[in-house]
Amino acid sequence: MARSSDCRTDPAAVTVSLAAAAAVLEGRLSVLREAINEVDAQIHAVSERIRRLPRSMAECGDSEAPADERIDTGPTSSPGDRR
């Protein structure tokens, strides 16, 4: 199917349009990077505060250690089984 003559686009106009869209996307990307950095800083601050909590406070209300802090108690557990 041949393109009709009225559907042709001006390469210069397309280039300008794409450059404008790229500029908008770069601006959004910058805003998102700033937001990610802020969230990362907040996560770090909260993690640091939690790390500094006295051990008894950190365990308050939590009678069992998280899975990644449990101790493997012997040969009866498989390598993937963390108790």
Protein backbone atom coordinates (compact mmCIF):
# COMPACT_ATOMS: atom_id res chain seq x y z
CA MET A 1 0.00 0.00 0.00
CA ALA A 2 1.53 3.29 -1.08
CA ARG A 3 1.47 6.31 1.20
CA SER A 4 -0.68 9.15 0.01
CA SER A 5 1.02 12.47 -0.54
CA ASP A 6 -0.94 14.21 2.25
CA CYS A 7 0.27 11.75 4.93
CA ARG A 8 3.93 12.66 4.52
CA THR A 9 5.62 14.18 7.53
CA ASP A 10 8.28 16.80 7.66
CA PRO A 11 11.49 15.26 9.08
CA ALA A 12 12.41 18.56 10.73
CA ALA A 13 9.05 18.73 12.50
CA VAL A 14 9.38 15.14 13.66
CA THR A 15 12.88 15.86 14.95
CA VAL A 16 11.68 18.91 16.89
CA SER A 17 8.76 16.95 18.31
CA LEU A 18 10.99 14.05 19.39
CA ALA A 19 13.53 16.44 20.95
CA ALA A 20 10.75 18.12 22.94
CA ALA A 21 9.42 14.76 24.13
CA ALA A 22 12.95 13.71 25.13
CA ALA A 23 13.40 16.92 27.12
CA VAL A 24 10.14 16.28 29.00
CA LEU A 25 11.19 12.71 29.74
CA GLU A 26 14.61 13.84 30.96
CA GLY A 27 12.89 16.28 33.31
CA ARG A 28 10.64 13.55 34.69
CA LEU A 29 13.63 11.25 35.06
CA SER A 30 15.43 13.91 37.09
CA VAL A 31 12.42 14.31 39.39
CA LEU A 32 12.16 10.54 39.84
CA ARG A 33 15.88 10.24 40.64
CA GLU A 34 15.55 12.95 43.29
CA ALA A 35 12.55 11.16 44.81
CA ILE A 36 14.43 7.85 44.83
CA ASN A 37 17.38 9.51 46.56
CA GLU A 38 15.05 10.99 49.21
CA VAL A 39 13.41 7.61 49.84
CA ASP A 40 16.83 5.94 50.00
CA ALA A 41 17.98 8.50 52.59
CA GLN A 42 14.82 7.92 54.64
CA ILE A 43 15.29 4.15 54.50
CA HIS A 44 18.90 4.56 55.61
CA ALA A 45 17.89 6.85 58.49
CA VAL A 46 15.17 4.49 59.72
CA SER A 47 17.47 1.48 59.39
CA GLU A 48 20.11 3.30 61.41
CA ARG A 49 17.59 4.19 64.13
CA ILE A 50 16.38 0.59 64.28
CA ARG A 51 19.96 -0.67 64.46
CA ARG A 52 20.64 1.62 67.41
CA LEU A 53 17.59 0.50 69.38
CA PRO A 54 18.35 -1.45 72.54
CA ARG A 55 18.01 -5.18 71.87
CA SER A 56 15.09 -5.57 74.31
CA MET A 57 13.11 -2.80 72.55
CA ALA A 58 13.74 -4.26 69.12
CA GLU A 59 12.34 -7.61 70.24
CA CYS A 60 9.32 -6.14 72.04
CA GLY A 61 6.21 -7.68 70.57
CA ASP A 62 8.23 -10.02 68.37
CA SER A 63 8.84 -13.34 70.08
CA GLU A 64 10.59 -14.89 67.10
CA ALA A 65 13.63 -13.62 65.20
CA PRO A 66 13.15 -12.84 61.50
CA ALA A 67 14.01 -15.71 59.16
CA ASP A 68 17.32 -14.18 58.11
CA GLU A 69 18.47 -13.90 61.76
CA ARG A 70 17.53 -17.41 62.90
CA ILE A 71 20.30 -19.78 63.84
CA ASP A 72 20.72 -23.16 62.19
CA THR A 73 20.65 -25.53 65.17
CA GLY A 74 22.13 -28.68 63.77
CA PRO A 75 22.56 -31.38 61.17
CA THR A 76 18.84 -32.23 61.00
CA SER A 77 18.04 -29.10 59.03
CA SER A 78 18.53 -28.95 55.29
CA PRO A 79 20.65 -26.14 53.71
CA GLY A 80 17.48 -24.28 52.63
CA ASP A 81 15.78 -24.70 56.03
CA ARG A 82 16.51 -21.76 58.31
CA ARG A 83 15.12 -22.01 61.83
